N, C-alpha and C. Protein backbone atom coordinates (compact mmCIF):
# COMPACT_ATOMS: atom_id res chain seq x y z
N UNK A 1 -16.47 -0.99 2.82
CA UNK A 1 -15.33 -0.27 2.28
C UNK A 1 -14.72 -1.04 1.12
N UNK A 2 -14.18 -0.32 0.16
CA UNK A 2 -13.52 -0.95 -0.97
C UNK A 2 -12.10 -1.33 -0.58
N UNK A 3 -11.61 -2.38 -1.18
CA UNK A 3 -10.23 -2.78 -0.98
C UNK A 3 -10.05 -3.71 0.21
N UNK A 4 -8.83 -4.08 0.41
CA UNK A 4 -8.45 -4.96 1.51
C UNK A 4 -8.14 -4.11 2.73
N UNK A 5 -8.18 -4.72 3.91
CA UNK A 5 -7.99 -3.98 5.16
C UNK A 5 -6.70 -3.16 5.16
N UNK A 6 -5.63 -3.70 4.64
CA UNK A 6 -4.35 -3.00 4.66
C UNK A 6 -4.08 -2.10 3.48
N UNK A 7 -5.02 -1.97 2.57
CA UNK A 7 -4.79 -1.15 1.37
C UNK A 7 -4.59 0.32 1.71
N UNK A 8 -3.62 0.91 1.06
CA UNK A 8 -3.38 2.35 1.13
C UNK A 8 -3.57 2.91 -0.27
N UNK A 9 -3.75 4.20 -0.40
CA UNK A 9 -3.90 4.79 -1.74
C UNK A 9 -2.65 4.57 -2.59
N UNK A 10 -2.80 4.73 -3.90
CA UNK A 10 -1.68 4.59 -4.82
C UNK A 10 -0.56 5.57 -4.46
N UNK A 11 0.67 5.13 -4.63
CA UNK A 11 1.85 5.93 -4.35
C UNK A 11 2.39 6.49 -5.66
N UNK A 12 2.59 7.78 -5.73
CA UNK A 12 3.12 8.42 -6.94
C UNK A 12 4.61 8.67 -6.74
N UNK A 13 5.42 8.13 -7.64
CA UNK A 13 6.87 8.26 -7.55
C UNK A 13 7.36 9.16 -8.67
N UNK A 14 8.16 10.16 -8.31
CA UNK A 14 8.72 11.10 -9.29
C UNK A 14 9.79 10.44 -10.14
N UNK A 15 10.17 11.07 -11.24
CA UNK A 15 11.18 10.53 -12.15
C UNK A 15 12.52 10.30 -11.45
N UNK A 16 12.81 11.09 -10.40
CA UNK A 16 14.08 10.91 -9.68
C UNK A 16 14.00 9.83 -8.61
N UNK A 17 12.86 9.14 -8.52
CA UNK A 17 12.72 8.03 -7.58
C UNK A 17 12.18 8.42 -6.21
N UNK A 18 11.90 9.70 -5.99
CA UNK A 18 11.37 10.11 -4.69
C UNK A 18 9.85 10.02 -4.68
N UNK A 19 9.33 9.75 -3.51
CA UNK A 19 7.87 9.69 -3.33
C UNK A 19 7.52 10.38 -2.02
N UNK A 20 7.10 11.60 -2.10
CA UNK A 20 6.67 12.35 -0.92
C UNK A 20 5.19 12.61 -1.09
N UNK A 21 4.39 11.91 -0.29
CA UNK A 21 2.96 11.95 -0.51
C UNK A 21 2.24 11.66 0.80
N UNK A 22 1.43 12.58 1.28
CA UNK A 22 0.67 12.28 2.51
C UNK A 22 -0.40 11.24 2.21
N UNK A 23 -0.55 10.27 3.09
CA UNK A 23 -1.53 9.21 2.88
C UNK A 23 -2.68 9.34 3.86
N UNK A 24 -3.86 9.12 3.37
CA UNK A 24 -5.04 9.06 4.20
C UNK A 24 -5.44 7.60 4.31
N UNK A 25 -5.41 7.07 5.50
CA UNK A 25 -5.77 5.67 5.73
C UNK A 25 -6.83 5.62 6.83
N UNK A 26 -8.08 5.89 6.49
CA UNK A 26 -9.13 6.01 7.50
C UNK A 26 -9.39 4.74 8.30
N UNK A 27 -8.95 3.60 7.80
CA UNK A 27 -9.19 2.35 8.53
C UNK A 27 -8.16 2.12 9.63
N UNK A 28 -7.09 2.91 9.64
CA UNK A 28 -6.11 2.84 10.72
C UNK A 28 -6.52 3.81 11.81
N UNK A 29 -6.56 3.33 13.03
CA UNK A 29 -6.99 4.18 14.14
C UNK A 29 -5.81 4.87 14.82
N UNK A 30 -4.62 4.25 14.82
CA UNK A 30 -3.44 4.87 15.41
C UNK A 30 -2.19 4.30 14.76
N UNK A 31 -1.10 5.06 14.81
CA UNK A 31 0.15 4.59 14.22
C UNK A 31 0.70 3.37 14.95
N UNK A 32 0.36 3.21 16.22
CA UNK A 32 0.86 2.06 16.97
C UNK A 32 0.34 0.74 16.38
N UNK A 33 -0.75 0.79 15.63
CA UNK A 33 -1.27 -0.41 14.98
C UNK A 33 -0.30 -0.95 13.93
N UNK A 34 0.60 -0.11 13.44
CA UNK A 34 1.52 -0.51 12.38
C UNK A 34 2.76 -1.22 12.90
N UNK A 35 3.12 -0.99 14.16
CA UNK A 35 4.36 -1.55 14.71
C UNK A 35 4.36 -3.08 14.58
N UNK A 36 5.45 -3.60 14.02
CA UNK A 36 5.60 -5.03 13.84
C UNK A 36 4.94 -5.59 12.60
N UNK A 37 4.24 -4.75 11.86
CA UNK A 37 3.61 -5.19 10.62
C UNK A 37 4.51 -4.88 9.43
N UNK A 38 4.17 -5.42 8.30
CA UNK A 38 4.99 -5.21 7.11
C UNK A 38 4.30 -4.29 6.11
N UNK A 39 5.11 -3.81 5.19
CA UNK A 39 4.63 -2.95 4.11
C UNK A 39 5.10 -3.55 2.80
N UNK A 40 4.20 -3.70 1.84
CA UNK A 40 4.55 -4.25 0.54
C UNK A 40 4.13 -3.24 -0.52
N UNK A 41 5.06 -2.91 -1.40
CA UNK A 41 4.77 -2.00 -2.51
C UNK A 41 4.83 -2.80 -3.79
N UNK A 42 3.75 -2.71 -4.57
CA UNK A 42 3.67 -3.41 -5.85
C UNK A 42 3.94 -2.44 -6.99
N UNK A 43 4.43 -2.95 -8.12
CA UNK A 43 4.77 -2.11 -9.27
C UNK A 43 3.56 -1.50 -9.96
N UNK A 44 2.47 -2.22 -10.04
CA UNK A 44 1.32 -1.77 -10.82
C UNK A 44 0.27 -1.05 -10.00
N UNK A 45 -0.78 -0.64 -10.68
CA UNK A 45 -1.91 0.01 -10.02
C UNK A 45 -2.79 -1.00 -9.31
N UNK A 46 -3.82 -0.53 -8.66
CA UNK A 46 -4.72 -1.38 -7.89
C UNK A 46 -6.15 -1.11 -8.34
N UNK A 47 -6.88 -2.17 -8.65
CA UNK A 47 -8.28 -1.99 -9.02
C UNK A 47 -9.22 -2.16 -7.82
N UNK A 48 -8.64 -2.32 -6.62
CA UNK A 48 -9.40 -2.43 -5.36
C UNK A 48 -10.41 -3.56 -5.38
N UNK A 49 -10.03 -4.66 -6.01
CA UNK A 49 -10.92 -5.82 -6.10
C UNK A 49 -10.06 -7.07 -6.28
N UNK A 50 -10.67 -8.23 -6.09
CA UNK A 50 -9.98 -9.49 -6.37
C UNK A 50 -10.33 -10.01 -7.75
N UNK A 51 -11.08 -9.26 -8.51
CA UNK A 51 -11.48 -9.63 -9.86
C UNK A 51 -10.99 -8.58 -10.85
N UNK A 52 -10.39 -8.87 -11.93
CA UNK A 52 -10.09 -10.20 -12.43
C UNK A 52 -8.83 -10.81 -11.82
N UNK A 53 -7.97 -10.01 -11.20
CA UNK A 53 -6.73 -10.54 -10.62
C UNK A 53 -6.78 -10.45 -9.10
N UNK A 54 -6.23 -11.46 -8.39
CA UNK A 54 -6.23 -11.42 -6.93
C UNK A 54 -5.40 -10.25 -6.40
N UNK A 55 -5.76 -9.77 -5.24
CA UNK A 55 -5.06 -8.68 -4.54
C UNK A 55 -5.01 -7.40 -5.35
N UNK A 56 -6.03 -7.16 -6.14
CA UNK A 56 -6.14 -5.88 -6.85
C UNK A 56 -5.35 -5.78 -8.13
N UNK A 57 -4.66 -6.83 -8.52
CA UNK A 57 -3.90 -6.80 -9.76
C UNK A 57 -2.74 -5.83 -9.72
N UNK A 58 -2.15 -5.62 -8.55
CA UNK A 58 -1.07 -4.65 -8.38
C UNK A 58 0.24 -5.01 -9.05
N UNK A 59 0.33 -6.20 -9.58
CA UNK A 59 1.55 -6.59 -10.28
C UNK A 59 2.62 -7.12 -9.35
N UNK A 60 3.82 -7.17 -9.89
CA UNK A 60 4.96 -7.74 -9.17
C UNK A 60 5.29 -6.92 -7.93
N UNK A 61 5.86 -7.59 -6.94
CA UNK A 61 6.31 -6.91 -5.73
C UNK A 61 7.55 -6.09 -6.07
N UNK A 62 7.59 -4.87 -5.56
CA UNK A 62 8.69 -3.96 -5.86
C UNK A 62 9.59 -3.76 -4.63
N UNK A 63 8.99 -3.59 -3.47
CA UNK A 63 9.75 -3.35 -2.23
C UNK A 63 8.92 -3.81 -1.04
N UNK A 64 9.60 -4.16 0.04
CA UNK A 64 8.89 -4.53 1.26
C UNK A 64 9.76 -4.22 2.47
N UNK A 65 9.14 -4.20 3.63
CA UNK A 65 9.88 -3.95 4.86
C UNK A 65 8.98 -4.12 6.06
N UNK A 66 9.59 -4.16 7.25
CA UNK A 66 8.87 -4.28 8.51
C UNK A 66 8.91 -2.93 9.21
N UNK A 67 7.78 -2.51 9.75
CA UNK A 67 7.68 -1.25 10.47
C UNK A 67 8.05 -1.53 11.92
N UNK A 68 9.17 -0.98 12.37
CA UNK A 68 9.68 -1.28 13.71
C UNK A 68 9.31 -0.24 14.75
N UNK A 69 9.09 1.00 14.36
CA UNK A 69 8.83 2.06 15.35
C UNK A 69 7.47 2.64 15.16
């Protein structure tokens, strides 16, 4: 598979700052796998590789949080 284990598809954010987008994450088997893990959103796109930039070259961190439920 391409990308890192936790990679999700690119998130599209509207001009008003909202992002409503269904995600397909075939490597996740159940939502309970997410409990207690974190989510990191980067400003840039992802090339799904560690070359030429590590972690897909996604750029600066934009937002993060812990999934509690």
